[in-house]
Amino acid sequence: MQEGARYRTANFHIRVLKNDAGRVRVGIIASKRAGNACVRNRIKRRLREYFRLNRDKMPPETDVVFIVTPGATQLDTRQLRTELDRFFLRGR
C-alpha cells in the first residue's frame, strides 16, 4: 500500500486506498511493539468488531488498513469507538 492517503489518530495510523473490489475491505497490522500475542489479538478483535458495526461509515470501495501503535492497547472499547468515530465522521 504505497499509494493512497495516510492519516494518524492518537493511537492508530490509518491508510486508505480506493479499490476495484466493489466493497470496503479492512486490514489490521499489530506488531510486537504493541504487546504480546494476547494483547495484539484483543485489539484486532475490537477493530474487526468496530468495522463490522460501522461499515457504512467507511468510504465506499476502499481498503482501510489500521496500524496499531502501542498506546492503542490501553484503550477500552468505548475509547476506541470514540477515537475511530471522530476519524470517520470527520470525512476522511
PDB file of N, CA and C in Angstrom:
ATOM      1  N   MET A   1       0.848  -1.179   0.000  1.00  0.00           N
ATOM      2  CA  MET A   1       0.000   0.000   0.000  1.00  0.00           C
ATOM      3  C   MET A   1       0.893   1.242   0.000  1.00  0.00           C
ATOM      4  N   GLN A   2       1.583   1.445  -1.066  1.00  0.00           N
ATOM      5  CA  GLN A   2       2.483   2.578  -1.186  1.00  0.00           C
ATOM      6  C   GLN A   2       1.732   3.868  -1.499  1.00  0.00           C
ATOM      7  N   GLU A   3       0.601   3.749  -2.163  1.00  0.00           N
ATOM      8  CA  GLU A   3      -0.172   4.921  -2.545  1.00  0.00           C
ATOM      9  C   GLU A   3      -1.330   5.093  -1.576  1.00  0.00           C
ATOM     10  N   GLY A   4      -2.179   6.056  -1.869  1.00  0.00           N
ATOM     11  CA  GLY A   4      -3.337   6.262  -1.015  1.00  0.00           C
ATOM     12  C   GLY A   4      -3.065   7.311   0.040  1.00  0.00           C
ATOM     13  N   ALA A   5      -4.069   7.566   0.837  1.00  0.00           N
ATOM     14  CA  ALA A   5      -3.984   8.598   1.860  1.00  0.00           C
ATOM     15  C   ALA A   5      -3.521   7.997   3.177  1.00  0.00           C
ATOM     16  N   ARG A   6      -2.738   8.766   3.910  1.00  0.00           N
ATOM     17  CA  ARG A   6      -2.237   8.347   5.222  1.00  0.00           C
ATOM     18  C   ARG A   6      -2.759   9.318   6.266  1.00  0.00           C
ATOM     19  N   TYR A   7      -3.273   8.765   7.342  1.00  0.00           N
ATOM     20  CA  TYR A   7      -3.811   9.577   8.428  1.00  0.00           C
ATOM     21  C   TYR A   7      -3.291   9.042   9.751  1.00  0.00           C
ATOM     22  N   ARG A   8      -3.339   9.900  10.758  1.00  0.00           N
ATOM     23  CA  ARG A   8      -2.948   9.489  12.104  1.00  0.00           C
ATOM     24  C   ARG A   8      -4.012   9.944  13.084  1.00  0.00           C
ATOM     25  N   THR A   9      -4.283   9.074  14.027  1.00  0.00           N
ATOM     26  CA  THR A   9      -5.080   9.467  15.183  1.00  0.00           C
ATOM     27  C   THR A   9      -4.141   9.335  16.374  1.00  0.00           C
ATOM     28  N   ALA A  10      -4.653   9.511  17.557  1.00  0.00           N
ATOM     29  CA  ALA A  10      -3.795   9.427  18.734  1.00  0.00           C
ATOM     30  C   ALA A  10      -3.177   8.041  18.899  1.00  0.00           C
ATOM     31  N   ASN A  11      -3.875   6.994  18.478  1.00  0.00           N
ATOM     32  CA  ASN A  11      -3.398   5.635  18.729  1.00  0.00           C
ATOM     33  C   ASN A  11      -3.317   4.743  17.499  1.00  0.00           C
ATOM     34  N   PHE A  12      -3.595   5.286  16.326  1.00  0.00           N
ATOM     35  CA  PHE A  12      -3.569   4.482  15.109  1.00  0.00           C
ATOM     36  C   PHE A  12      -2.980   5.273  13.957  1.00  0.00           C
ATOM     37  N   HIS A  13      -2.356   4.572  13.056  1.00  0.00           N
ATOM     38  CA  HIS A  13      -2.022   5.095  11.742  1.00  0.00           C
ATOM     39  C   HIS A  13      -3.033   4.422  10.820  1.00  0.00           C
ATOM     40  N   ILE A  14      -3.640   5.185   9.942  1.00  0.00           N
ATOM     41  CA  ILE A  14      -4.682   4.643   9.078  1.00  0.00           C
ATOM     42  C   ILE A  14      -4.329   4.962   7.632  1.00  0.00           C
ATOM     43  N   ARG A  15      -4.355   3.937   6.801  1.00  0.00           N
ATOM     44  CA  ARG A  15      -4.106   4.104   5.369  1.00  0.00           C
ATOM     45  C   ARG A  15      -5.402   3.804   4.635  1.00  0.00           C
ATOM     46  N   VAL A  16      -5.739   4.638   3.665  1.00  0.00           N
ATOM     47  CA  VAL A  16      -6.967   4.474   2.903  1.00  0.00           C
ATOM     48  C   VAL A  16      -6.625   4.537   1.421  1.00  0.00           C
ATOM     49  N   LEU A  17      -7.115   3.553   0.667  1.00  0.00           N
ATOM     50  CA  LEU A  17      -6.843   3.469  -0.763  1.00  0.00           C
ATOM     51  C   LEU A  17      -8.092   2.957  -1.475  1.00  0.00           C
ATOM     52  N   LYS A  18      -8.420   3.561  -2.604  1.00  0.00           N
ATOM     53  CA  LYS A  18      -9.553   3.086  -3.413  1.00  0.00           C
ATOM     54  C   LYS A  18      -9.244   1.695  -3.944  1.00  0.00           C
ATOM     55  N   ASN A  19     -10.283   0.859  -4.082  1.00  0.00           N
ATOM     56  CA  ASN A  19     -10.095  -0.473  -4.656  1.00  0.00           C
ATOM     57  C   ASN A  19     -11.139  -0.722  -5.737  1.00  0.00           C
ATOM     58  N   ASP A  20     -10.947  -1.781  -6.485  1.00  0.00           N
ATOM     59  CA  ASP A  20     -11.887  -2.159  -7.535  1.00  0.00           C
ATOM     60  C   ASP A  20     -12.748  -3.343  -7.113  1.00  0.00           C
ATOM     61  N   ALA A  21     -12.708  -3.708  -5.855  1.00  0.00           N
ATOM     62  CA  ALA A  21     -13.438  -4.879  -5.369  1.00  0.00           C
ATOM     63  C   ALA A  21     -14.935  -4.609  -5.218  1.00  0.00           C
ATOM     64  N   GLY A  22     -15.325  -3.337  -5.208  1.00  0.00           N
ATOM     65  CA  GLY A  22     -16.733  -3.011  -5.070  1.00  0.00           C
ATOM     66  C   GLY A  22     -17.237  -3.046  -3.643  1.00  0.00           C
ATOM     67  N   ARG A  23     -16.357  -3.170  -2.688  1.00  0.00           N
ATOM     68  CA  ARG A  23     -16.757  -3.203  -1.280  1.00  0.00           C
ATOM     69  C   ARG A  23     -15.618  -2.669  -0.426  1.00  0.00           C
ATOM     70  N   VAL A  24     -15.913  -2.436   0.833  1.00  0.00           N
ATOM     71  CA  VAL A  24     -14.907  -1.965   1.776  1.00  0.00           C
ATOM     72  C   VAL A  24     -14.169  -3.172   2.337  1.00  0.00           C
ATOM     73  N   ARG A  25     -12.848  -3.087   2.369  1.00  0.00           N
ATOM     74  CA  ARG A  25     -12.041  -4.146   2.969  1.00  0.00           C
ATOM     75  C   ARG A  25     -11.185  -3.523   4.065  1.00  0.00           C
ATOM     76  N   VAL A  26     -10.882  -4.320   5.075  1.00  0.00           N
ATOM     77  CA  VAL A  26     -10.091  -3.816   6.194  1.00  0.00           C
ATOM     78  C   VAL A  26      -8.896  -4.724   6.421  1.00  0.00           C
ATOM     79  N   GLY A  27      -7.793  -4.105   6.824  1.00  0.00           N
ATOM     80  CA  GLY A  27      -6.602  -4.838   7.222  1.00  0.00           C
ATOM     81  C   GLY A  27      -6.120  -4.269   8.544  1.00  0.00           C
ATOM     82  N   ILE A  28      -5.510  -5.110   9.357  1.00  0.00           N
ATOM     83  CA  ILE A  28      -5.037  -4.678  10.674  1.00  0.00           C
ATOM     84  C   ILE A  28      -3.606  -5.154  10.844  1.00  0.00           C
ATOM     85  N   ILE A  29      -2.726  -4.230  11.211  1.00  0.00           N
ATOM     86  CA  ILE A  29      -1.330  -4.563  11.469  1.00  0.00           C
ATOM     87  C   ILE A  29      -1.043  -4.227  12.924  1.00  0.00           C
ATOM     88  N   ALA A  30      -0.649  -5.230  13.682  1.00  0.00           N
ATOM     89  CA  ALA A  30      -0.287  -5.039  15.088  1.00  0.00           C
ATOM     90  C   ALA A  30       1.054  -5.731  15.300  1.00  0.00           C
ATOM     91  N   SER A  31       2.116  -4.947  15.361  1.00  0.00           N
ATOM     92  CA  SER A  31       3.445  -5.526  15.512  1.00  0.00           C
ATOM     93  C   SER A  31       3.698  -5.910  16.967  1.00  0.00           C
ATOM     94  N   LYS A  32       4.798  -6.568  17.202  1.00  0.00           N
ATOM     95  CA  LYS A  32       5.140  -6.994  18.560  1.00  0.00           C
ATOM     96  C   LYS A  32       5.362  -5.810  19.491  1.00  0.00           C
ATOM     97  N   ARG A  33       5.614  -4.643  18.935  1.00  0.00           N
ATOM     98  CA  ARG A  33       5.764  -3.447  19.772  1.00  0.00           C
ATOM     99  C   ARG A  33       4.472  -3.123  20.511  1.00  0.00           C
ATOM    100  N   ALA A  34       3.341  -3.577  19.974  1.00  0.00           N
ATOM    101  CA  ALA A  34       2.045  -3.296  20.593  1.00  0.00           C
ATOM    102  C   ALA A  34       1.793  -4.151  21.833  1.00  0.00           C
ATOM    103  N   GLY A  35       2.508  -5.246  21.976  1.00  0.00           N
ATOM    104  CA  GLY A  35       2.320  -6.103  23.144  1.00  0.00           C
ATOM    105  C   GLY A  35       2.444  -7.566  22.773  1.00  0.00           C
ATOM    106  N   ASN A  36       2.180  -8.426  23.733  1.00  0.00           N
ATOM    107  CA  ASN A  36       2.276  -9.859  23.448  1.00  0.00           C
ATOM    108  C   ASN A  36       1.086 -10.310  22.596  1.00  0.00           C
ATOM    109  N   ALA A  37       1.073 -11.575  22.221  1.00  0.00           N
ATOM    110  CA  ALA A  37       0.064 -12.085  21.290  1.00  0.00           C
ATOM    111  C   ALA A  37      -1.354 -11.886  21.812  1.00  0.00           C
ATOM    112  N   CYS A  38      -1.563 -12.083  23.085  1.00  0.00           N
ATOM    113  CA  CYS A  38      -2.895 -11.930  23.671  1.00  0.00           C
ATOM    114  C   CYS A  38      -3.388 -10.491  23.509  1.00  0.00           C
ATOM    115  N   VAL A  39      -2.527  -9.541  23.778  1.00  0.00           N
ATOM    116  CA  VAL A  39      -2.883  -8.124  23.675  1.00  0.00           C
ATOM    117  C   VAL A  39      -3.131  -7.739  22.220  1.00  0.00           C
ATOM    118  N   ARG A  40      -2.263  -8.183  21.322  1.00  0.00           N
ATOM    119  CA  ARG A  40      -2.423  -7.868  19.895  1.00  0.00           C
ATOM    120  C   ARG A  40      -3.717  -8.457  19.343  1.00  0.00           C
ATOM    121  N   ASN A  41      -4.021  -9.687  19.715  1.00  0.00           N
ATOM    122  CA  ASN A  41      -5.251 -10.317  19.233  1.00  0.00           C
ATOM    123  C   ASN A  41      -6.493  -9.620  19.776  1.00  0.00           C
ATOM    124  N   ARG A  42      -6.436  -9.153  21.013  1.00  0.00           N
ATOM    125  CA  ARG A  42      -7.583  -8.449  21.602  1.00  0.00           C
ATOM    126  C   ARG A  42      -7.874  -7.158  20.838  1.00  0.00           C
ATOM    127  N   ILE A  43      -6.844  -6.376  20.540  1.00  0.00           N
ATOM    128  CA  ILE A  43      -7.074  -5.121  19.820  1.00  0.00           C
ATOM    129  C   ILE A  43      -7.553  -5.402  18.395  1.00  0.00           C
ATOM    130  N   LYS A  44      -7.054  -6.474  17.784  1.00  0.00           N
ATOM    131  CA  LYS A  44      -7.519  -6.830  16.438  1.00  0.00           C
ATOM    132  C   LYS A  44      -8.987  -7.250  16.459  1.00  0.00           C
ATOM    133  N   ARG A  45      -9.399  -7.996  17.479  1.00  0.00           N
ATOM    134  CA  ARG A  45     -10.812  -8.379  17.600  1.00  0.00           C
ATOM    135  C   ARG A  45     -11.691  -7.146  17.770  1.00  0.00           C
ATOM    136  N   ARG A  46     -11.240  -6.201  18.576  1.00  0.00           N
ATOM    137  CA  ARG A  46     -12.016  -4.978  18.787  1.00  0.00           C
ATOM    138  C   ARG A  46     -12.126  -4.161  17.501  1.00  0.00           C
ATOM    139  N   LEU A  47     -11.042  -4.076  16.753  1.00  0.00           N
ATOM    140  CA  LEU A  47     -11.079  -3.334  15.492  1.00  0.00           C
ATOM    141  C   LEU A  47     -11.984  -4.013  14.468  1.00  0.00           C
ATOM    142  N   ARG A  48     -11.920  -5.336  14.384  1.00  0.00           N
ATOM    143  CA  ARG A  48     -12.801  -6.051  13.457  1.00  0.00           C
ATOM    144  C   ARG A  48     -14.265  -5.850  13.835  1.00  0.00           C
ATOM    145  N   GLU A  49     -14.573  -5.860  15.118  1.00  0.00           N
ATOM    146  CA  GLU A  49     -15.948  -5.644  15.571  1.00  0.00           C
ATOM    147  C   GLU A  49     -16.395  -4.211  15.262  1.00  0.00           C
ATOM    148  N   TYR A  50     -15.516  -3.238  15.492  1.00  0.00           N
ATOM    149  CA  TYR A  50     -15.846  -1.855  15.137  1.00  0.00           C
ATOM    150  C   TYR A  50     -16.154  -1.767  13.644  1.00  0.00           C
ATOM    151  N   PHE A  51     -15.316  -2.396  12.839  1.00  0.00           N
ATOM    152  CA  PHE A  51     -15.509  -2.382  11.390  1.00  0.00           C
ATOM    153  C   PHE A  51     -16.838  -3.039  11.015  1.00  0.00           C
ATOM    154  N   ARG A  52     -17.163  -4.157  11.628  1.00  0.00           N
ATOM    155  CA  ARG A  52     -18.402  -4.870  11.320  1.00  0.00           C
ATOM    156  C   ARG A  52     -19.623  -4.003  11.622  1.00  0.00           C
ATOM    157  N   LEU A  53     -19.591  -3.302  12.744  1.00  0.00           N
ATOM    158  CA  LEU A  53     -20.731  -2.491  13.159  1.00  0.00           C
ATOM    159  C   LEU A  53     -20.823  -1.156  12.422  1.00  0.00           C
ATOM    160  N   ASN A  54     -19.711  -0.679  11.870  1.00  0.00           N
ATOM    161  CA  ASN A  54     -19.676   0.665  11.289  1.00  0.00           C
ATOM    162  C   ASN A  54     -19.226   0.676   9.838  1.00  0.00           C
ATOM    163  N   ARG A  55     -19.444  -0.404   9.147  1.00  0.00           N
ATOM    164  CA  ARG A  55     -19.021  -0.500   7.741  1.00  0.00           C
ATOM    165  C   ARG A  55     -19.613   0.631   6.901  1.00  0.00           C
ATOM    166  N   ASP A  56     -20.828   1.061   7.235  1.00  0.00           N
ATOM    167  CA  ASP A  56     -21.483   2.117   6.461  1.00  0.00           C
ATOM    168  C   ASP A  56     -20.815   3.482   6.632  1.00  0.00           C
ATOM    169  N   LYS A  57     -20.033   3.688   7.699  1.00  0.00           N
ATOM    170  CA  LYS A  57     -19.326   4.952   7.909  1.00  0.00           C
ATOM    171  C   LYS A  57     -18.039   5.030   7.095  1.00  0.00           C
ATOM    172  N   MET A  58     -17.581   3.885   6.615  1.00  0.00           N
ATOM    173  CA  MET A  58     -16.338   3.841   5.849  1.00  0.00           C
ATOM    174  C   MET A  58     -16.611   4.328   4.426  1.00  0.00           C
ATOM    175  N   PRO A  59     -15.632   4.974   3.811  1.00  0.00           N
ATOM    176  CA  PRO A  59     -15.817   5.381   2.420  1.00  0.00           C
ATOM    177  C   PRO A  59     -16.047   4.155   1.538  1.00  0.00           C
ATOM    178  N   PRO A  60     -16.995   4.200   0.586  1.00  0.00           N
ATOM    179  CA  PRO A  60     -17.278   3.025  -0.246  1.00  0.00           C
ATOM    180  C   PRO A  60     -16.105   2.675  -1.159  1.00  0.00           C
ATOM    181  N   GLU A  61     -15.987   1.387  -1.471  1.00  0.00           N
ATOM    182  CA  GLU A  61     -14.958   0.861  -2.373  1.00  0.00           C
ATOM    183  C   GLU A  61     -13.553   1.302  -1.975  1.00  0.00           C
ATOM    184  N   THR A  62     -13.225   1.092  -0.720  1.00  0.00           N
ATOM    185  CA  THR A  62     -11.890   1.444  -0.245  1.00  0.00           C
ATOM    186  C   THR A  62     -11.289   0.302   0.555  1.00  0.00           C
ATOM    187  N   ASP A  63      -9.975   0.330   0.614  1.00  0.00           N
ATOM    188  CA  ASP A  63      -9.226  -0.534   1.511  1.00  0.00           C
ATOM    189  C   ASP A  63      -8.793   0.340   2.677  1.00  0.00           C
ATOM    190  N   VAL A  64      -9.055  -0.101   3.883  1.00  0.00           N
ATOM    191  CA  VAL A  64      -8.666   0.634   5.081  1.00  0.00           C
ATOM    192  C   VAL A  64      -7.728  -0.261   5.874  1.00  0.00           C
ATOM    193  N   VAL A  65      -6.529   0.245   6.175  1.00  0.00           N
ATOM    194  CA  VAL A  65      -5.561  -0.512   6.959  1.00  0.00           C
ATOM    195  C   VAL A  65      -5.308   0.242   8.256  1.00  0.00           C
ATOM    196  N   PHE A  66      -5.550  -0.432   9.370  1.00  0.00           N
ATOM    197  CA  PHE A  66      -5.270   0.119  10.693  1.00  0.00           C
ATOM    198  C   PHE A  66      -3.905  -0.396  11.132  1.00  0.00           C
ATOM    199  N   ILE A  67      -2.999   0.511  11.469  1.00  0.00           N
ATOM    200  CA  ILE A  67      -1.708   0.132  12.019  1.00  0.00           C
ATOM    201  C   ILE A  67      -1.745   0.530  13.491  1.00  0.00           C
ATOM    202  N   VAL A  68      -1.650  -0.461  14.347  1.00  0.00           N
ATOM    203  CA  VAL A  68      -1.817  -0.268  15.785  1.00  0.00           C
ATOM    204  C   VAL A  68      -0.525   0.257  16.394  1.00  0.00           C
ATOM    205  N   THR A  69      -0.625   1.316  17.200  1.00  0.00           N
ATOM    206  CA  THR A  69       0.519   1.808  17.956  1.00  0.00           C
ATOM    207  C   THR A  69       0.427   1.247  19.376  1.00  0.00           C
ATOM    208  N   PRO A  70       1.526   1.244  20.109  1.00  0.00           N
ATOM    209  CA  PRO A  70       1.492   0.659  21.461  1.00  0.00           C
ATOM    210  C   PRO A  70       0.437   1.269  22.384  1.00  0.00           C
ATOM    211  N   GLY A  71       0.119   2.537  22.234  1.00  0.00           N
ATOM    212  CA  GLY A  71      -0.879   3.163  23.091  1.00  0.00           C
ATOM    213  C   GLY A  71      -2.291   2.650  22.867  1.00  0.00           C
ATOM    214  N   ALA A  72      -2.561   2.109  21.704  1.00  0.00           N
ATOM    215  CA  ALA A  72      -3.911   1.636  21.379  1.00  0.00           C
ATOM    216  C   ALA A  72      -4.327   0.462  22.242  1.00  0.00           C
ATOM    217  N   THR A  73      -3.376  -0.299  22.713  1.00  0.00           N
ATOM    218  CA  THR A  73      -3.704  -1.479  23.512  1.00  0.00           C
ATOM    219  C   THR A  73      -4.241  -1.102  24.892  1.00  0.00           C
ATOM    220  N   GLN A  74      -4.058   0.148  25.296  1.00  0.00           N
ATOM    221  CA  GLN A  74      -4.544   0.602  26.596  1.00  0.00           C
ATOM    222  C   GLN A  74      -5.979   1.124  26.543  1.00  0.00           C
ATOM    223  N   LEU A  75      -6.527   1.259  25.339  1.00  0.00           N
ATOM    224  CA  LEU A  75      -7.879   1.799  25.190  1.00  0.00           C
ATOM    225  C   LEU A  75      -8.931   0.765  25.568  1.00  0.00           C
ATOM    226  N   ASP A  76      -9.988   1.221  26.228  1.00  0.00           N
ATOM    227  CA  ASP A  76     -11.122   0.317  26.401  1.00  0.00           C
ATOM    228  C   ASP A  76     -12.011   0.456  25.160  1.00  0.00           C
ATOM    229  N   THR A  77     -13.044  -0.340  25.071  1.00  0.00           N
ATOM    230  CA  THR A  77     -13.863  -0.378  23.863  1.00  0.00           C
ATOM    231  C   THR A  77     -14.526   0.966  23.587  1.00  0.00           C
ATOM    232  N   ARG A  78     -14.985   1.645  24.612  1.00  0.00           N
ATOM    233  CA  ARG A  78     -15.639   2.942  24.432  1.00  0.00           C
ATOM    234  C   ARG A  78     -14.657   3.979  23.885  1.00  0.00           C
ATOM    235  N   GLN A  79     -13.443   4.013  24.422  1.00  0.00           N
ATOM    236  CA  GLN A  79     -12.441   4.962  23.944  1.00  0.00           C
ATOM    237  C   GLN A  79     -12.051   4.676  22.495  1.00  0.00           C
ATOM    238  N   LEU A  80     -11.921   3.399  22.166  1.00  0.00           N
ATOM    239  CA  LEU A  80     -11.585   3.013  20.796  1.00  0.00           C
ATOM    240  C   LEU A  80     -12.680   3.468  19.838  1.00  0.00           C
ATOM    241  N   ARG A  81     -13.919   3.211  20.198  1.00  0.00           N
ATOM    242  CA  ARG A  81     -15.049   3.599  19.358  1.00  0.00           C
ATOM    243  C   ARG A  81     -15.096   5.119  19.180  1.00  0.00           C
ATOM    244  N   THR A  82     -14.882   5.865  20.258  1.00  0.00           N
ATOM    245  CA  THR A  82     -14.908   7.323  20.189  1.00  0.00           C
ATOM    246  C   THR A  82     -13.818   7.850  19.268  1.00  0.00           C
ATOM    247  N   GLU A  83     -12.615   7.325  19.403  1.00  0.00           N
ATOM    248  CA  GLU A  83     -11.499   7.794  18.572  1.00  0.00           C
ATOM    249  C   GLU A  83     -11.750   7.515  17.092  1.00  0.00           C
ATOM    250  N   LEU A  84     -12.215   6.321  16.772  1.00  0.00           N
ATOM    251  CA  LEU A  84     -12.444   5.977  15.372  1.00  0.00           C
ATOM    252  C   LEU A  84     -13.679   6.671  14.811  1.00  0.00           C
ATOM    253  N   ASP A  85     -14.711   6.873  15.630  1.00  0.00           N
ATOM    254  CA  ASP A  85     -15.881   7.633  15.172  1.00  0.00           C
ATOM    255  C   ASP A  85     -15.478   9.054  14.797  1.00  0.00           C
ATOM    256  N   ARG A  86     -14.655   9.685  15.622  1.00  0.00           N
ATOM    257  CA  ARG A  86     -14.184  11.036  15.309  1.00  0.00           C
ATOM    258  C   ARG A  86     -13.467  11.059  13.966  1.00  0.00           C
ATOM    259  N   PHE A  87     -12.656  10.053  13.734  1.00  0.00           N
ATOM    260  CA  PHE A  87     -11.901   9.993  12.485  1.00  0.00           C
ATOM    261  C   PHE A  87     -12.823   9.822  11.285  1.00  0.00           C
ATOM    262  N   PHE A  88     -13.705   8.834  11.317  1.00  0.00           N
ATOM    263  CA  PHE A  88     -14.537   8.548  10.154  1.00  0.00           C
ATOM    264  C   PHE A  88     -15.663   9.552   9.968  1.00  0.00           C
ATOM    265  N   LEU A  89     -16.172  10.154  11.036  1.00  0.00           N
ATOM    266  CA  LEU A  89     -17.216  11.163  10.899  1.00  0.00           C
ATOM    267  C   LEU A  89     -16.658  12.493  10.425  1.00  0.00           C
ATOM    268  N   ARG A  90     -15.352  12.665  10.565  1.00  0.00           N
ATOM    269  CA  ARG A  90     -14.689  13.883  10.114  1.00  0.00           C
ATOM    270  C   ARG A  90     -14.635  13.936   8.590  1.00  0.00           C
ATOM    271  N   GLY A  91     -14.905  12.818   7.942  1.00  0.00           N
ATOM    272  CA  GLY A  91     -14.941  12.804   6.491  1.00  0.00           C
ATOM    273  C   GLY A  91     -13.688  12.272   5.844  1.00  0.00           C
ATOM    274  N   ARG A  92     -12.856  11.601   6.569  1.00  0.00           N
ATOM    275  CA  ARG A  92     -11.630  11.046   5.983  1.00  0.00           C
ATOM    276  C   ARG A  92     -11.925   9.765   5.267  1.00  0.00           C
TER     277      ARG A  92
END
